[in-house]
């Protein structure tokens, strides 16, 4: 039986810091972005565009630290750093 992405992500333990390690550098750039690829390339749904507020929210607590966002944003508008020591993701298997 093949597991869904959501089922696989459930096997990960997070210890979220109170400060995000993912930063949108300029929300105006996001507002001008037509395709909003960050809403689709992140495997753990960290980024979500809000039409009314005209901004992207960042649920950094869900980040699996794959680094896709720092490479896939066509405007390089996402600053990504490793969470500070003791925070972030812990894999249960492997």
C-alpha atoms as a PDB file:
ATOM      1  CA  UNK A   1       0.000   0.000   0.000  1.00  0.00           C
ATOM      2  CA  UNK A   2       1.382   3.382  -1.008  1.00  0.00           C
ATOM      3  CA  UNK A   3       1.282   6.144   1.576  1.00  0.00           C
ATOM      4  CA  UNK A   4       0.196   9.675   0.756  1.00  0.00           C
ATOM      5  CA  UNK A   5       2.494  12.633   1.352  1.00  0.00           C
ATOM      6  CA  UNK A   6       0.374  13.582   4.373  1.00  0.00           C
ATOM      7  CA  UNK A   7       0.802  10.092   5.863  1.00  0.00           C
ATOM      8  CA  UNK A   8       4.560  10.234   5.320  1.00  0.00           C
ATOM      9  CA  UNK A   9       4.833  13.705   6.862  1.00  0.00           C
ATOM     10  CA  UNK A  10       3.010  12.394   9.936  1.00  0.00           C
ATOM     11  CA  UNK A  11       6.115  10.315  10.752  1.00  0.00           C
ATOM     12  CA  UNK A  12       8.168  13.493  11.300  1.00  0.00           C
ATOM     13  CA  UNK A  13       8.531  15.228  14.660  1.00  0.00           C
ATOM     14  CA  UNK A  14       8.749  19.004  14.781  1.00  0.00           C
ATOM     15  CA  UNK A  15      10.027  21.265  17.487  1.00  0.00           C
ATOM     16  CA  UNK A  16       9.073  24.725  16.306  1.00  0.00           C
ATOM     17  CA  UNK A  17      10.932  27.815  17.423  1.00  0.00           C
ATOM     18  CA  UNK A  18       8.925  30.947  18.230  1.00  0.00           C
ATOM     19  CA  UNK A  19      10.721  32.747  15.385  1.00  0.00           C
ATOM     20  CA  UNK A  20      10.473  31.721  11.735  1.00  0.00           C
ATOM     21  CA  UNK A  21      13.532  30.518   9.856  1.00  0.00           C
ATOM     22  CA  UNK A  22      11.654  31.269   6.606  1.00  0.00           C
ATOM     23  CA  UNK A  23      11.254  34.925   5.707  1.00  0.00           C
ATOM     24  CA  UNK A  24       9.435  36.565   2.822  1.00  0.00           C
ATOM     25  CA  UNK A  25      11.858  39.339   1.907  1.00  0.00           C
ATOM     26  CA  UNK A  26       9.303  41.597   0.226  1.00  0.00           C
ATOM     27  CA  UNK A  27       5.537  40.984   0.269  1.00  0.00           C
ATOM     28  CA  UNK A  28       5.106  43.379  -2.666  1.00  0.00           C
ATOM     29  CA  UNK A  29       7.069  40.951  -4.823  1.00  0.00           C
ATOM     30  CA  UNK A  30       4.627  38.186  -3.862  1.00  0.00           C
ATOM     31  CA  UNK A  31       1.704  40.423  -4.753  1.00  0.00           C
ATOM     32  CA  UNK A  32       3.124  40.932  -8.249  1.00  0.00           C
ATOM     33  CA  UNK A  33       3.915  37.230  -8.759  1.00  0.00           C
ATOM     34  CA  UNK A  34       1.349  35.804 -11.163  1.00  0.00           C
ATOM     35  CA  UNK A  35       1.697  32.029 -10.677  1.00  0.00           C
ATOM     36  CA  UNK A  36       2.411  31.919  -6.921  1.00  0.00           C
ATOM     37  CA  UNK A  37       4.589  28.776  -7.289  1.00  0.00           C
ATOM     38  CA  UNK A  38       5.415  28.713  -3.566  1.00  0.00           C
ATOM     39  CA  UNK A  39       1.840  27.539  -2.987  1.00  0.00           C
ATOM     40  CA  UNK A  40       2.623  24.398  -4.996  1.00  0.00           C
ATOM     41  CA  UNK A  41       6.314  23.473  -4.741  1.00  0.00           C
ATOM     42  CA  UNK A  42       6.482  23.075  -0.971  1.00  0.00           C
ATOM     43  CA  UNK A  43       5.775  19.437  -0.034  1.00  0.00           C
ATOM     44  CA  UNK A  44       4.493  20.399   3.426  1.00  0.00           C
ATOM     45  CA  UNK A  45       2.219  23.323   2.448  1.00  0.00           C
ATOM     46  CA  UNK A  46       4.205  25.984   4.289  1.00  0.00           C
ATOM     47  CA  UNK A  47       3.193  28.836   1.956  1.00  0.00           C
ATOM     48  CA  UNK A  48      -0.335  30.091   1.336  1.00  0.00           C
ATOM     49  CA  UNK A  49      -1.386  33.151  -0.664  1.00  0.00           C
ATOM     50  CA  UNK A  50      -4.251  35.231   0.793  1.00  0.00           C
ATOM     51  CA  UNK A  51      -6.085  37.332  -1.805  1.00  0.00           C
ATOM     52  CA  UNK A  52      -7.807  39.663   0.653  1.00  0.00           C
ATOM     53  CA  UNK A  53      -4.644  40.551   2.598  1.00  0.00           C
ATOM     54  CA  UNK A  54      -2.543  40.346  -0.604  1.00  0.00           C
ATOM     55  CA  UNK A  55       0.226  38.493   1.158  1.00  0.00           C
ATOM     56  CA  UNK A  56       1.726  35.054   1.583  1.00  0.00           C
ATOM     57  CA  UNK A  57       1.522  33.445   5.002  1.00  0.00           C
ATOM     58  CA  UNK A  58       4.345  31.195   6.169  1.00  0.00           C
ATOM     59  CA  UNK A  59       3.538  28.199   8.388  1.00  0.00           C
ATOM     60  CA  UNK A  60       7.222  27.620   9.218  1.00  0.00           C
ATOM     61  CA  UNK A  61       6.252  25.101  11.900  1.00  0.00           C
ATOM     62  CA  UNK A  62       5.462  22.607   9.098  1.00  0.00           C
ATOM     63  CA  UNK A  63       8.805  23.031   7.296  1.00  0.00           C
ATOM     64  CA  UNK A  64      10.670  19.789   6.587  1.00  0.00           C
ATOM     65  CA  UNK A  65      13.867  21.735   5.802  1.00  0.00           C
ATOM     66  CA  UNK A  66      14.163  20.464   2.230  1.00  0.00           C
ATOM     67  CA  UNK A  67      15.315  23.862   0.927  1.00  0.00           C
ATOM     68  CA  UNK A  68      13.046  23.798  -2.123  1.00  0.00           C
ATOM     69  CA  UNK A  69      11.664  27.262  -1.415  1.00  0.00           C
ATOM     70  CA  UNK A  70      15.019  29.015  -1.566  1.00  0.00           C
ATOM     71  CA  UNK A  71      15.649  27.539  -5.006  1.00  0.00           C
ATOM     72  CA  UNK A  72      12.194  27.416  -6.573  1.00  0.00           C
ATOM     73  CA  UNK A  73      10.951  30.970  -5.947  1.00  0.00           C
ATOM     74  CA  UNK A  74      11.503  32.640  -9.336  1.00  0.00           C
ATOM     75  CA  UNK A  75      12.244  35.967  -7.599  1.00  0.00           C
ATOM     76  CA  UNK A  76      14.479  34.564  -4.826  1.00  0.00           C
ATOM     77  CA  UNK A  77      12.130  36.288  -2.407  1.00  0.00           C
ATOM     78  CA  UNK A  78      12.327  33.659   0.337  1.00  0.00           C
ATOM     79  CA  UNK A  79      15.163  33.738   2.847  1.00  0.00           C
ATOM     80  CA  UNK A  80      15.781  30.240   4.201  1.00  0.00           C
ATOM     81  CA  UNK A  81      18.162  29.390   7.026  1.00  0.00           C
ATOM     82  CA  UNK A  82      18.445  26.354   9.250  1.00  0.00           C
ATOM     83  CA  UNK A  83      16.471  26.669  12.481  1.00  0.00           C
ATOM     84  CA  UNK A  84      18.620  27.493  15.484  1.00  0.00           C
ATOM     85  CA  UNK A  85      20.018  24.609  17.499  1.00  0.00           C
ATOM     86  CA  UNK A  86      17.532  22.253  19.088  1.00  0.00           C
ATOM     87  CA  UNK A  87      14.662  23.322  16.834  1.00  0.00           C
ATOM     88  CA  UNK A  88      13.371  22.107  13.506  1.00  0.00           C
ATOM     89  CA  UNK A  89      12.663  18.624  12.287  1.00  0.00           C
ATOM     90  CA  UNK A  90      13.565  15.191  13.590  1.00  0.00           C
ATOM     91  CA  UNK A  91      13.061  12.145  11.419  1.00  0.00           C
ATOM     92  CA  UNK A  92      11.803   9.021  13.178  1.00  0.00           C
ATOM     93  CA  UNK A  93      13.051   6.626  10.504  1.00  0.00           C
ATOM     94  CA  UNK A  94      16.370   6.789   8.651  1.00  0.00           C
END
